[in-house]
Amino acid sequence: MIGVIRIPKLLRKPLVDLRLGFALMRDGRVPLRSKLVAVLLGLGITGVVEFLELPVEGVISMLLPILGAAGDIVLDGAEIIAGPLLLANVLLPFVAPREIVELVRSDRSGSTGGPKGPIIDI
């Protein structure tokens, strides 16, 4: 295949790594500012999604008055709490300093960051 670059499986990094985001959120080396920026971005994205859902929620609550309103309250509450937190953990690897993200990633993978080949002691 011409023009296709194959990357070894060990070198591939997933685009969305939720566990890495949770690890970064708990890690004390990540600055509080980066964490707050990620949470605020998550709140903003959740707010935009909520605003875009308003017409659909209005139609559902008109078609199913009691069930639609109750479901709307429950789902909106869950989205307001869980949405920003999940989005913050997805965005934190992109917002936090690259060096700290690589350190946490290597800590999680169990690699020491030492030389790649064998060490020969003479």
PDB file of N, CA and C in Angstrom:
ATOM      1  N   MET A   1       0.832  -1.169   0.000  1.00  0.00           N
ATOM      2  CA  MET A   1       0.000   0.000   0.000  1.00  0.00           C
ATOM      3  C   MET A   1       0.884   1.242   0.000  1.00  0.00           C
ATOM      4  N   ILE A   2       0.673   2.083  -0.935  1.00  0.00           N
ATOM      5  CA  ILE A   2       1.473   3.294  -1.053  1.00  0.00           C
ATOM      6  C   ILE A   2       0.822   4.399  -0.232  1.00  0.00           C
ATOM      7  N   GLY A   3       1.640   5.114   0.525  1.00  0.00           N
ATOM      8  CA  GLY A   3       1.144   6.237   1.300  1.00  0.00           C
ATOM      9  C   GLY A   3       0.566   5.872   2.654  1.00  0.00           C
ATOM     10  N   VAL A   4       0.663   4.611   3.047  1.00  0.00           N
ATOM     11  CA  VAL A   4       0.137   4.193   4.345  1.00  0.00           C
ATOM     12  C   VAL A   4       1.310   3.951   5.280  1.00  0.00           C
ATOM     13  N   ILE A   5       1.266   4.610   6.414  1.00  0.00           N
ATOM     14  CA  ILE A   5       2.316   4.434   7.410  1.00  0.00           C
ATOM     15  C   ILE A   5       1.761   3.568   8.524  1.00  0.00           C
ATOM     16  N   ARG A   6       2.406   2.484   8.770  1.00  0.00           N
ATOM     17  CA  ARG A   6       1.974   1.582   9.834  1.00  0.00           C
ATOM     18  C   ARG A   6       2.716   1.935  11.115  1.00  0.00           C
ATOM     19  N   ILE A   7       1.966   2.181  12.177  1.00  0.00           N
ATOM     20  CA  ILE A   7       2.537   2.501  13.475  1.00  0.00           C
ATOM     21  C   ILE A   7       2.430   1.250  14.334  1.00  0.00           C
ATOM     22  N   PRO A   8       3.551   0.850  14.977  1.00  0.00           N
ATOM     23  CA  PRO A   8       3.471  -0.326  15.842  1.00  0.00           C
ATOM     24  C   PRO A   8       2.403  -0.142  16.917  1.00  0.00           C
ATOM     25  N   LYS A   9       1.777  -1.240  17.290  1.00  0.00           N
ATOM     26  CA  LYS A   9       0.651  -1.186  18.220  1.00  0.00           C
ATOM     27  C   LYS A   9       1.039  -0.594  19.573  1.00  0.00           C
ATOM     28  N   LEU A  10       2.277  -0.844  20.015  1.00  0.00           N
ATOM     29  CA  LEU A  10       2.710  -0.328  21.312  1.00  0.00           C
ATOM     30  C   LEU A  10       2.859   1.191  21.311  1.00  0.00           C
ATOM     31  N   LEU A  11       3.108   1.788  20.149  1.00  0.00           N
ATOM     32  CA  LEU A  11       3.320   3.228  20.080  1.00  0.00           C
ATOM     33  C   LEU A  11       2.031   4.008  19.882  1.00  0.00           C
ATOM     34  N   ARG A  12       0.936   3.345  19.576  1.00  0.00           N
ATOM     35  CA  ARG A  12      -0.334   4.028  19.359  1.00  0.00           C
ATOM     36  C   ARG A  12      -0.906   4.518  20.681  1.00  0.00           C
ATOM     37  N   LYS A  13      -1.382   5.741  20.680  1.00  0.00           N
ATOM     38  CA  LYS A  13      -2.058   6.290  21.850  1.00  0.00           C
ATOM     39  C   LYS A  13      -3.518   6.488  21.476  1.00  0.00           C
ATOM     40  N   PRO A  14      -4.431   6.052  22.320  1.00  0.00           N
ATOM     41  CA  PRO A  14      -5.846   6.275  21.994  1.00  0.00           C
ATOM     42  C   PRO A  14      -6.178   7.761  22.014  1.00  0.00           C
ATOM     43  N   LEU A  15      -7.065   8.163  21.126  1.00  0.00           N
ATOM     44  CA  LEU A  15      -7.452   9.570  21.055  1.00  0.00           C
ATOM     45  C   LEU A  15      -8.231   9.985  22.307  1.00  0.00           C
ATOM     46  N   VAL A  16      -9.111   9.126  22.758  1.00  0.00           N
ATOM     47  CA  VAL A  16      -9.897   9.400  23.965  1.00  0.00           C
ATOM     48  C   VAL A  16      -9.552   8.322  24.987  1.00  0.00           C
ATOM     49  N   ASP A  17      -8.881   8.745  26.059  1.00  0.00           N
ATOM     50  CA  ASP A  17      -8.495   7.811  27.122  1.00  0.00           C
ATOM     51  C   ASP A  17      -9.096   8.323  28.430  1.00  0.00           C
ATOM     52  N   LEU A  18     -10.282   7.826  28.741  1.00  0.00           N
ATOM     53  CA  LEU A  18     -11.009   8.286  29.921  1.00  0.00           C
ATOM     54  C   LEU A  18     -10.279   7.938  31.207  1.00  0.00           C
ATOM     55  N   ARG A  19      -9.643   6.774  31.243  1.00  0.00           N
ATOM     56  CA  ARG A  19      -8.908   6.377  32.444  1.00  0.00           C
ATOM     57  C   ARG A  19      -7.709   7.280  32.686  1.00  0.00           C
ATOM     58  N   LEU A  20      -7.046   7.696  31.609  1.00  0.00           N
ATOM     59  CA  LEU A  20      -5.942   8.640  31.754  1.00  0.00           C
ATOM     60  C   LEU A  20      -6.452   9.965  32.304  1.00  0.00           C
ATOM     61  N   GLY A  21      -7.616  10.406  31.844  1.00  0.00           N
ATOM     62  CA  GLY A  21      -8.205  11.631  32.360  1.00  0.00           C
ATOM     63  C   GLY A  21      -8.515  11.535  33.841  1.00  0.00           C
ATOM     64  N   PHE A  22      -9.066  10.406  34.278  1.00  0.00           N
ATOM     65  CA  PHE A  22      -9.334  10.217  35.702  1.00  0.00           C
ATOM     66  C   PHE A  22      -8.029  10.206  36.500  1.00  0.00           C
ATOM     67  N   ALA A  23      -7.000   9.548  35.955  1.00  0.00           N
ATOM     68  CA  ALA A  23      -5.705   9.514  36.642  1.00  0.00           C
ATOM     69  C   ALA A  23      -5.097  10.913  36.738  1.00  0.00           C
ATOM     70  N   LEU A  24      -5.217  11.688  35.676  1.00  0.00           N
ATOM     71  CA  LEU A  24      -4.702  13.062  35.707  1.00  0.00           C
ATOM     72  C   LEU A  24      -5.494  13.922  36.688  1.00  0.00           C
ATOM     73  N   MET A  25      -6.797  13.710  36.766  1.00  0.00           N
ATOM     74  CA  MET A  25      -7.627  14.488  37.677  1.00  0.00           C
ATOM     75  C   MET A  25      -7.239  14.221  39.133  1.00  0.00           C
ATOM     76  N   ARG A  26      -6.835  12.997  39.442  1.00  0.00           N
ATOM     77  CA  ARG A  26      -6.435  12.642  40.806  1.00  0.00           C
ATOM     78  C   ARG A  26      -4.984  12.983  41.114  1.00  0.00           C
ATOM     79  N   ASP A  27      -4.161  13.158  40.071  1.00  0.00           N
ATOM     80  CA  ASP A  27      -2.727  13.366  40.252  1.00  0.00           C
ATOM     81  C   ASP A  27      -2.451  14.782  40.756  1.00  0.00           C
ATOM     82  N   GLY A  28      -1.597  14.888  41.755  1.00  0.00           N
ATOM     83  CA  GLY A  28      -1.257  16.180  42.330  1.00  0.00           C
ATOM     84  C   GLY A  28      -0.275  16.987  41.491  1.00  0.00           C
ATOM     85  N   ARG A  29       0.400  16.349  40.527  1.00  0.00           N
ATOM     86  CA  ARG A  29       1.361  17.068  39.680  1.00  0.00           C
ATOM     87  C   ARG A  29       0.681  17.925  38.626  1.00  0.00           C
ATOM     88  N   VAL A  30      -0.574  17.624  38.334  1.00  0.00           N
ATOM     89  CA  VAL A  30      -1.315  18.406  37.337  1.00  0.00           C
ATOM     90  C   VAL A  30      -1.767  19.702  37.999  1.00  0.00           C
ATOM     91  N   PRO A  31      -1.461  20.851  37.376  1.00  0.00           N
ATOM     92  CA  PRO A  31      -1.859  22.123  37.990  1.00  0.00           C
ATOM     93  C   PRO A  31      -3.376  22.253  38.109  1.00  0.00           C
ATOM     94  N   LEU A  32      -3.798  22.910  39.177  1.00  0.00           N
ATOM     95  CA  LEU A  32      -5.227  23.130  39.422  1.00  0.00           C
ATOM     96  C   LEU A  32      -5.846  23.936  38.288  1.00  0.00           C
ATOM     97  N   ARG A  33      -5.070  24.829  37.709  1.00  0.00           N
ATOM     98  CA  ARG A  33      -5.571  25.645  36.602  1.00  0.00           C
ATOM     99  C   ARG A  33      -5.991  24.777  35.414  1.00  0.00           C
ATOM    100  N   SER A  34      -5.184  23.761  35.084  1.00  0.00           N
ATOM    101  CA  SER A  34      -5.531  22.864  33.976  1.00  0.00           C
ATOM    102  C   SER A  34      -6.801  22.089  34.271  1.00  0.00           C
ATOM    103  N   LYS A  35      -6.945  21.662  35.517  1.00  0.00           N
ATOM    104  CA  LYS A  35      -8.147  20.929  35.900  1.00  0.00           C
ATOM    105  C   LYS A  35      -9.380  21.816  35.800  1.00  0.00           C
ATOM    106  N   LEU A  36      -9.255  23.062  36.268  1.00  0.00           N
ATOM    107  CA  LEU A  36     -10.391  23.984  36.202  1.00  0.00           C
ATOM    108  C   LEU A  36     -10.761  24.322  34.761  1.00  0.00           C
ATOM    109  N   VAL A  37      -9.757  24.498  33.900  1.00  0.00           N
ATOM    110  CA  VAL A  37     -10.039  24.779  32.494  1.00  0.00           C
ATOM    111  C   VAL A  37     -10.789  23.609  31.871  1.00  0.00           C
ATOM    112  N   ALA A  38     -10.370  22.377  32.180  1.00  0.00           N
ATOM    113  CA  ALA A  38     -11.045  21.201  31.628  1.00  0.00           C
ATOM    114  C   ALA A  38     -12.490  21.117  32.118  1.00  0.00           C
ATOM    115  N   VAL A  39     -12.715  21.406  33.402  1.00  0.00           N
ATOM    116  CA  VAL A  39     -14.083  21.359  33.942  1.00  0.00           C
ATOM    117  C   VAL A  39     -14.940  22.458  33.319  1.00  0.00           C
ATOM    118  N   LEU A  40     -14.380  23.656  33.159  1.00  0.00           N
ATOM    119  CA  LEU A  40     -15.144  24.744  32.554  1.00  0.00           C
ATOM    120  C   LEU A  40     -15.465  24.453  31.088  1.00  0.00           C
ATOM    121  N   LEU A  41     -14.526  23.860  30.367  1.00  0.00           N
ATOM    122  CA  LEU A  41     -14.824  23.446  28.988  1.00  0.00           C
ATOM    123  C   LEU A  41     -15.934  22.400  28.970  1.00  0.00           C
ATOM    124  N   GLY A  42     -15.885  21.453  29.913  1.00  0.00           N
ATOM    125  CA  GLY A  42     -16.936  20.445  30.011  1.00  0.00           C
ATOM    126  C   GLY A  42     -18.291  21.069  30.308  1.00  0.00           C
ATOM    127  N   LEU A  43     -18.309  22.075  31.203  1.00  0.00           N
ATOM    128  CA  LEU A  43     -19.558  22.771  31.502  1.00  0.00           C
ATOM    129  C   LEU A  43     -20.088  23.511  30.278  1.00  0.00           C
ATOM    130  N   GLY A  44     -19.186  24.145  29.543  1.00  0.00           N
ATOM    131  CA  GLY A  44     -19.604  24.875  28.349  1.00  0.00           C
ATOM    132  C   GLY A  44     -20.174  23.963  27.280  1.00  0.00           C
ATOM    133  N   ILE A  45     -19.509  22.844  27.045  1.00  0.00           N
ATOM    134  CA  ILE A  45     -19.993  21.895  26.034  1.00  0.00           C
ATOM    135  C   ILE A  45     -21.334  21.311  26.454  1.00  0.00           C
ATOM    136  N   THR A  46     -21.461  20.977  27.751  1.00  0.00           N
ATOM    137  CA  THR A  46     -22.730  20.446  28.251  1.00  0.00           C
ATOM    138  C   THR A  46     -23.834  21.484  28.121  1.00  0.00           C
ATOM    139  N   GLY A  47     -23.518  22.746  28.388  1.00  0.00           N
ATOM    140  CA  GLY A  47     -24.507  23.809  28.233  1.00  0.00           C
ATOM    141  C   GLY A  47     -24.981  23.959  26.803  1.00  0.00           C
ATOM    142  N   VAL A  48     -24.060  23.859  25.850  1.00  0.00           N
ATOM    143  CA  VAL A  48     -24.439  23.949  24.433  1.00  0.00           C
ATOM    144  C   VAL A  48     -25.333  22.775  24.047  1.00  0.00           C
ATOM    145  N   VAL A  49     -24.974  21.584  24.512  1.00  0.00           N
ATOM    146  CA  VAL A  49     -25.791  20.404  24.197  1.00  0.00           C
ATOM    147  C   VAL A  49     -27.185  20.542  24.808  1.00  0.00           C
ATOM    148  N   GLU A  50     -27.253  21.030  26.038  1.00  0.00           N
ATOM    149  CA  GLU A  50     -28.562  21.240  26.683  1.00  0.00           C
ATOM    150  C   GLU A  50     -29.393  22.246  25.892  1.00  0.00           C
ATOM    151  N   PHE A  51     -28.762  23.328  25.437  1.00  0.00           N
ATOM    152  CA  PHE A  51     -29.482  24.335  24.658  1.00  0.00           C
ATOM    153  C   PHE A  51     -30.007  23.747  23.354  1.00  0.00           C
ATOM    154  N   LEU A  52     -29.216  22.880  22.712  1.00  0.00           N
ATOM    155  CA  LEU A  52     -29.650  22.269  21.458  1.00  0.00           C
ATOM    156  C   LEU A  52     -30.757  21.233  21.666  1.00  0.00           C
ATOM    157  N   GLU A  53     -30.850  20.687  22.877  1.00  0.00           N
ATOM    158  CA  GLU A  53     -31.880  19.685  23.170  1.00  0.00           C
ATOM    159  C   GLU A  53     -33.239  20.307  23.506  1.00  0.00           C
ATOM    160  N   LEU A  54     -33.291  21.591  23.765  1.00  0.00           N
ATOM    161  CA  LEU A  54     -34.544  22.223  24.206  1.00  0.00           C
ATOM    162  C   LEU A  54     -35.722  21.982  23.264  1.00  0.00           C
ATOM    163  N   PRO A  55     -35.598  22.133  21.944  1.00  0.00           N
ATOM    164  CA  PRO A  55     -36.762  21.880  21.082  1.00  0.00           C
ATOM    165  C   PRO A  55     -37.259  20.437  21.152  1.00  0.00           C
ATOM    166  N   VAL A  56     -36.335  19.491  21.197  1.00  0.00           N
ATOM    167  CA  VAL A  56     -36.728  18.076  21.263  1.00  0.00           C
ATOM    168  C   VAL A  56     -37.401  17.780  22.597  1.00  0.00           C
ATOM    169  N   GLU A  57     -36.841  18.324  23.671  1.00  0.00           N
ATOM    170  CA  GLU A  57     -37.449  18.101  24.986  1.00  0.00           C
ATOM    171  C   GLU A  57     -38.837  18.717  25.073  1.00  0.00           C
ATOM    172  N   GLY A  58     -39.037  19.858  24.429  1.00  0.00           N
ATOM    173  CA  GLY A  58     -40.365  20.486  24.420  1.00  0.00           C
ATOM    174  C   GLY A  58     -41.389  19.635  23.712  1.00  0.00           C
ATOM    175  N   VAL A  59     -41.010  19.053  22.587  1.00  0.00           N
ATOM    176  CA  VAL A  59     -41.938  18.189  21.834  1.00  0.00           C
ATOM    177  C   VAL A  59     -42.270  16.941  22.643  1.00  0.00           C
ATOM    178  N   ILE A  60     -41.263  16.342  23.275  1.00  0.00           N
ATOM    179  CA  ILE A  60     -41.506  15.122  24.052  1.00  0.00           C
ATOM    180  C   ILE A  60     -42.405  15.425  25.249  1.00  0.00           C
ATOM    181  N   SER A  61     -42.173  16.560  25.913  1.00  0.00           N
ATOM    182  CA  SER A  61     -43.010  16.870  27.080  1.00  0.00           C
ATOM    183  C   SER A  61     -44.441  17.226  26.672  1.00  0.00           C
ATOM    184  N   MET A  62     -44.642  17.708  25.419  1.00  0.00           N
ATOM    185  CA  MET A  62     -46.011  17.968  24.950  1.00  0.00           C
ATOM    186  C   MET A  62     -46.720  16.671  24.570  1.00  0.00           C
ATOM    187  N   LEU A  63     -45.985  15.724  23.990  1.00  0.00           N
ATOM    188  CA  LEU A  63     -46.595  14.450  23.587  1.00  0.00           C
ATOM    189  C   LEU A  63     -46.871  13.548  24.788  1.00  0.00           C
ATOM    190  N   LEU A  64     -45.958  13.541  25.738  1.00  0.00           N
ATOM    191  CA  LEU A  64     -46.103  12.725  26.943  1.00  0.00           C
ATOM    192  C   LEU A  64     -45.998  13.647  28.158  1.00  0.00           C
ATOM    193  N   PRO A  65     -47.076  14.311  28.566  1.00  0.00           N
ATOM    194  CA  PRO A  65     -46.969  15.381  29.564  1.00  0.00           C
ATOM    195  C   PRO A  65     -46.323  14.976  30.885  1.00  0.00           C
ATOM    196  N   ILE A  66     -46.820  13.967  31.543  1.00  0.00           N
ATOM    197  CA  ILE A  66     -46.295  13.630  32.874  1.00  0.00           C
ATOM    198  C   ILE A  66     -44.987  12.861  32.757  1.00  0.00           C
ATOM    199  N   LEU A  67     -44.979  11.833  31.932  1.00  0.00           N
ATOM    200  CA  LEU A  67     -43.779  11.019  31.767  1.00  0.00           C
ATOM    201  C   LEU A  67     -42.653  11.827  31.133  1.00  0.00           C
ATOM    202  N   GLY A  68     -42.986  12.679  30.167  1.00  0.00           N
ATOM    203  CA  GLY A  68     -41.972  13.496  29.505  1.00  0.00           C
ATOM    204  C   GLY A  68     -41.328  14.494  30.443  1.00  0.00           C
ATOM    205  N   ALA A  69     -42.116  15.135  31.290  1.00  0.00           N
ATOM    206  CA  ALA A  69     -41.578  16.116  32.235  1.00  0.00           C
ATOM    207  C   ALA A  69     -40.712  15.434  33.295  1.00  0.00           C
ATOM    208  N   ALA A  70     -41.166  14.300  33.806  1.00  0.00           N
ATOM    209  CA  ALA A  70     -40.386  13.582  34.820  1.00  0.00           C
ATOM    210  C   ALA A  70     -39.072  13.079  34.234  1.00  0.00           C
ATOM    211  N   GLY A  71     -39.145  12.495  33.046  1.00  0.00           N
ATOM    212  CA  GLY A  71     -37.928  12.022  32.386  1.00  0.00           C
ATOM    213  C   GLY A  71     -36.982  13.152  32.066  1.00  0.00           C
ATOM    214  N   ASP A  72     -37.529  14.300  31.680  1.00  0.00           N
ATOM    215  CA  ASP A  72     -36.717  15.463  31.370  1.00  0.00           C
ATOM    216  C   ASP A  72     -35.948  15.939  32.597  1.00  0.00           C
ATOM    217  N   ILE A  73     -36.606  15.971  33.733  1.00  0.00           N
ATOM    218  CA  ILE A  73     -35.948  16.414  34.972  1.00  0.00           C
ATOM    219  C   ILE A  73     -34.833  15.449  35.354  1.00  0.00           C
ATOM    220  N   VAL A  74     -35.106  14.150  35.277  1.00  0.00           N
ATOM    221  CA  VAL A  74     -34.102  13.152  35.656  1.00  0.00           C
ATOM    222  C   VAL A  74     -32.906  13.196  34.709  1.00  0.00           C
ATOM    223  N   LEU A  75     -33.165  13.219  33.409  1.00  0.00           N
ATOM    224  CA  LEU A  75     -32.067  13.213  32.450  1.00  0.00           C
ATOM    225  C   LEU A  75     -31.259  14.511  32.490  1.00  0.00           C
ATOM    226  N   ASP A  76     -31.932  15.645  32.649  1.00  0.00           N
ATOM    227  CA  ASP A  76     -31.205  16.903  32.735  1.00  0.00           C
ATOM    228  C   ASP A  76     -30.323  16.951  33.984  1.00  0.00           C
ATOM    229  N   GLY A  77     -30.840  16.443  35.072  1.00  0.00           N
ATOM    230  CA  GLY A  77     -30.041  16.406  36.301  1.00  0.00           C
ATOM    231  C   GLY A  77     -28.800  15.542  36.143  1.00  0.00           C
ATOM    232  N   ALA A  78     -28.971  14.387  35.512  1.00  0.00           N
ATOM    233  CA  ALA A  78     -27.820  13.503  35.290  1.00  0.00           C
ATOM    234  C   ALA A  78     -26.828  14.135  34.321  1.00  0.00           C
ATOM    235  N   GLU A  79     -27.331  14.813  33.297  1.00  0.00           N
ATOM    236  CA  GLU A  79     -26.437  15.454  32.333  1.00  0.00           C
ATOM    237  C   GLU A  79     -25.662  16.601  32.966  1.00  0.00           C
ATOM    238  N   ILE A  80     -26.294  17.354  33.828  1.00  0.00           N
ATOM    239  CA  ILE A  80     -25.635  18.496  34.453  1.00  0.00           C
ATOM    240  C   ILE A  80     -24.530  18.042  35.404  1.00  0.00           C
ATOM    241  N   ILE A  81     -24.716  16.916  36.059  1.00  0.00           N
ATOM    242  CA  ILE A  81     -23.701  16.422  37.004  1.00  0.00           C
ATOM    243  C   ILE A  81     -22.627  15.607  36.277  1.00  0.00           C
ATOM    244  N   ALA A  82     -23.030  14.594  35.540  1.00  0.00           N
ATOM    245  CA  ALA A  82     -22.067  13.671  34.937  1.00  0.00           C
ATOM    246  C   ALA A  82     -21.428  14.217  33.671  1.00  0.00           C
ATOM    247  N   GLY A  83     -22.153  14.998  32.895  1.00  0.00           N
ATOM    248  CA  GLY A  83     -21.637  15.491  31.628  1.00  0.00           C
ATOM    249  C   GLY A  83     -20.342  16.275  31.748  1.00  0.00           C
ATOM    250  N   PRO A  84     -20.308  17.336  32.561  1.00  0.00           N
ATOM    251  CA  PRO A  84     -19.069  18.103  32.679  1.00  0.00           C
ATOM    252  C   PRO A  84     -17.904  17.309  33.251  1.00  0.00           C
ATOM    253  N   LEU A  85     -18.197  16.395  34.181  1.00  0.00           N
ATOM    254  CA  LEU A  85     -17.110  15.599  34.761  1.00  0.00           C
ATOM    255  C   LEU A  85     -16.508  14.635  33.736  1.00  0.00           C
ATOM    256  N   LEU A  86     -17.366  13.966  32.984  1.00  0.00           N
ATOM    257  CA  LEU A  86     -16.851  13.055  31.965  1.00  0.00           C
ATOM    258  C   LEU A  86     -16.119  13.810  30.862  1.00  0.00           C
ATOM    259  N   LEU A  87     -16.679  14.913  30.420  1.00  0.00           N
ATOM    260  CA  LEU A  87     -16.007  15.704  29.387  1.00  0.00           C
ATOM    261  C   LEU A  87     -14.698  16.296  29.895  1.00  0.00           C
ATOM    262  N   ALA A  88     -14.646  16.692  31.155  1.00  0.00           N
ATOM    263  CA  ALA A  88     -13.399  17.210  31.723  1.00  0.00           C
ATOM    264  C   ALA A  88     -12.314  16.147  31.718  1.00  0.00           C
ATOM    265  N   ASN A  89     -12.686  14.912  32.030  1.00  0.00           N
ATOM    266  CA  ASN A  89     -11.702  13.832  32.031  1.00  0.00           C
ATOM    267  C   ASN A  89     -11.266  13.453  30.620  1.00  0.00           C
ATOM    268  N   VAL A  90     -12.131  13.647  29.650  1.00  0.00           N
ATOM    269  CA  VAL A  90     -11.737  13.400  28.259  1.00  0.00           C
ATOM    270  C   VAL A  90     -10.811  14.510  27.767  1.00  0.00           C
ATOM    271  N   LEU A  91     -11.077  15.753  28.166  1.00  0.00           N
ATOM    272  CA  LEU A  91     -10.315  16.899  27.680  1.00  0.00           C
ATOM    273  C   LEU A  91      -9.023  17.148  28.453  1.00  0.00           C
ATOM    274  N   LEU A  92      -8.918  16.661  29.676  1.00  0.00           N
ATOM    275  CA  LEU A  92      -7.755  16.968  30.507  1.00  0.00           C
ATOM    276  C   LEU A  92      -6.423  16.537  29.891  1.00  0.00           C
ATOM    277  N   PRO A  93      -6.304  15.382  29.235  1.00  0.00           N
ATOM    278  CA  PRO A  93      -5.022  15.059  28.605  1.00  0.00           C
ATOM    279  C   PRO A  93      -4.594  16.062  27.533  1.00  0.00           C
ATOM    280  N   PHE A  94      -5.532  16.780  26.951  1.00  0.00           N
ATOM    281  CA  PHE A  94      -5.201  17.773  25.939  1.00  0.00           C
ATOM    282  C   PHE A  94      -4.930  19.144  26.552  1.00  0.00           C
ATOM    283  N   VAL A  95      -5.419  19.389  27.773  1.00  0.00           N
ATOM    284  CA  VAL A  95      -5.281  20.691  28.424  1.00  0.00           C
ATOM    285  C   VAL A  95      -4.060  20.715  29.348  1.00  0.00           C
ATOM    286  N   ALA A  96      -3.773  19.599  30.006  1.00  0.00           N
ATOM    287  CA  ALA A  96      -2.671  19.531  30.966  1.00  0.00           C
ATOM    288  C   ALA A  96      -1.329  19.617  30.235  1.00  0.00           C
ATOM    289  N   PRO A  97      -0.276  20.024  30.947  1.00  0.00           N
ATOM    290  CA  PRO A  97       1.060  20.077  30.328  1.00  0.00           C
ATOM    291  C   PRO A  97       1.489  18.714  29.794  1.00  0.00           C
ATOM    292  N   ARG A  98       2.052  18.716  28.602  1.00  0.00           N
ATOM    293  CA  ARG A  98       2.415  17.488  27.887  1.00  0.00           C
ATOM    294  C   ARG A  98       3.364  16.614  28.709  1.00  0.00           C
ATOM    295  N   GLU A  99       4.330  17.228  29.404  1.00  0.00           N
ATOM    296  CA  GLU A  99       5.314  16.447  30.162  1.00  0.00           C
ATOM    297  C   GLU A  99       4.637  15.656  31.279  1.00  0.00           C
ATOM    298  N   ILE A 100       3.694  16.288  31.956  1.00  0.00           N
ATOM    299  CA  ILE A 100       2.998  15.614  33.059  1.00  0.00           C
ATOM    300  C   ILE A 100       2.109  14.501  32.521  1.00  0.00           C
ATOM    301  N   VAL A 101       1.468  14.745  31.376  1.00  0.00           N
ATOM    302  CA  VAL A 101       0.618  13.710  30.773  1.00  0.00           C
ATOM    303  C   VAL A 101       1.471  12.494  30.409  1.00  0.00           C
ATOM    304  N   GLU A 102       2.643  12.736  29.832  1.00  0.00           N
ATOM    305  CA  GLU A 102       3.524  11.615  29.474  1.00  0.00           C
ATOM    306  C   GLU A 102       4.033  10.893  30.716  1.00  0.00           C
ATOM    307  N   LEU A 103       4.335  11.637  31.792  1.00  0.00           N
ATOM    308  CA  LEU A 103       4.766  10.994  33.040  1.00  0.00           C
ATOM    309  C   LEU A 103       3.670  10.098  33.612  1.00  0.00           C
ATOM    310  N   VAL A 104       2.457  10.613  33.661  1.00  0.00           N
ATOM    311  CA  VAL A 104       1.348   9.812  34.198  1.00  0.00           C
ATOM    312  C   VAL A 104       1.068   8.622  33.291  1.00  0.00           C
ATOM    313  N   ARG A 105       1.130   8.834  31.980  1.00  0.00           N
ATOM    314  CA  ARG A 105       0.928   7.729  31.032  1.00  0.00           C
ATOM    315  C   ARG A 105       1.981   6.645  31.231  1.00  0.00           C
ATOM    316  N   SER A 106       3.256   7.043  31.420  1.00  0.00           N
ATOM    317  CA  SER A 106       4.302   6.037  31.628  1.00  0.00           C
ATOM    318  C   SER A 106       4.169   5.376  32.995  1.00  0.00           C
ATOM    319  N   ASP A 107       3.720   6.134  34.015  1.00  0.00           N
ATOM    320  CA  ASP A 107       3.478   5.524  35.331  1.00  0.00           C
ATOM    321  C   ASP A 107       2.393   4.462  35.249  1.00  0.00           C
ATOM    322  N   ARG A 108       1.350   4.750  34.483  1.00  0.00           N
ATOM    323  CA  ARG A 108       0.245   3.799  34.351  1.00  0.00           C
ATOM    324  C   ARG A 108       0.632   2.577  33.549  1.00  0.00           C
ATOM    325  N   SER A 109       1.549   2.745  32.583  1.00  0.00           N
ATOM    326  CA  SER A 109       1.925   1.606  31.746  1.00  0.00           C
ATOM    327  C   SER A 109       2.971   0.727  32.417  1.00  0.00           C
ATOM    328  N   GLY A 110       3.602   1.245  33.469  1.00  0.00           N
ATOM    329  CA  GLY A 110       4.586   0.451  34.188  1.00  0.00           C
ATOM    330  C   GLY A 110       5.978   0.564  33.621  1.00  0.00           C
ATOM    331  N   SER A 111       6.200   1.388  32.590  1.00  0.00           N
ATOM    332  CA  SER A 111       7.537   1.531  32.036  1.00  0.00           C
ATOM    333  C   SER A 111       8.333   2.493  32.895  1.00  0.00           C
ATOM    334  N   THR A 112       9.631   2.295  32.918  1.00  0.00           N
ATOM    335  CA  THR A 112      10.503   3.115  33.752  1.00  0.00           C
ATOM    336  C   THR A 112      11.041   4.312  33.011  1.00  0.00           C
ATOM    337  N   GLY A 113      10.922   4.342  31.712  1.00  0.00           N
ATOM    338  CA  GLY A 113      11.449   5.455  30.940  1.00  0.00           C
ATOM    339  C   GLY A 113      12.936   5.376  30.719  1.00  0.00           C
ATOM    340  N   GLY A 114      13.524   4.230  31.052  1.00  0.00           N
ATOM    341  CA  GLY A 114      14.964   4.044  30.897  1.00  0.00           C
ATOM    342  C   GLY A 114      15.340   3.682  29.482  1.00  0.00           C
ATOM    343  N   PRO A 115      16.553   3.199  29.313  1.00  0.00           N
ATOM    344  CA  PRO A 115      16.994   2.825  27.957  1.00  0.00           C
ATOM    345  C   PRO A 115      16.148   1.698  27.387  1.00  0.00           C
ATOM    346  N   LYS A 116      15.980   1.742  26.076  1.00  0.00           N
ATOM    347  CA  LYS A 116      15.101   0.767  25.419  1.00  0.00           C
ATOM    348  C   LYS A 116      15.793  -0.585  25.212  1.00  0.00           C
ATOM    349  N   GLY A 117      17.085  -0.576  25.033  1.00  0.00           N
ATOM    350  CA  GLY A 117      17.809  -1.820  24.791  1.00  0.00           C
ATOM    351  C   GLY A 117      18.350  -2.421  26.084  1.00  0.00           C
ATOM    352  N   PRO A 118      19.041  -3.548  25.972  1.00  0.00           N
ATOM    353  CA  PRO A 118      19.621  -4.169  27.175  1.00  0.00           C
ATOM    354  C   PRO A 118      20.778  -3.338  27.712  1.00  0.00           C
ATOM    355  N   ILE A 119      20.968  -3.370  29.010  1.00  0.00           N
ATOM    356  CA  ILE A 119      22.073  -2.669  29.659  1.00  0.00           C
ATOM    357  C   ILE A 119      23.197  -3.670  29.845  1.00  0.00           C
ATOM    358  N   ILE A 120      24.372  -3.340  29.308  1.00  0.00           N
ATOM    359  CA  ILE A 120      25.541  -4.219  29.402  1.00  0.00           C
ATOM    360  C   ILE A 120      26.509  -3.607  30.407  1.00  0.00           C
ATOM    361  N   ASP A 121      26.735  -4.295  31.490  1.00  0.00           N
ATOM    362  CA  ASP A 121      27.633  -3.796  32.526  1.00  0.00           C
ATOM    363  C   ASP A 121      28.997  -4.421  32.333  1.00  0.00           C
ATOM    364  N   ILE A 122      30.014  -3.592  32.243  1.00  0.00           N
ATOM    365  CA  ILE A 122      31.374  -4.107  32.013  1.00  0.00           C
ATOM    366  C   ILE A 122      32.171  -3.968  33.282  1.00  0.00           C
TER     367      ILE A 122
END
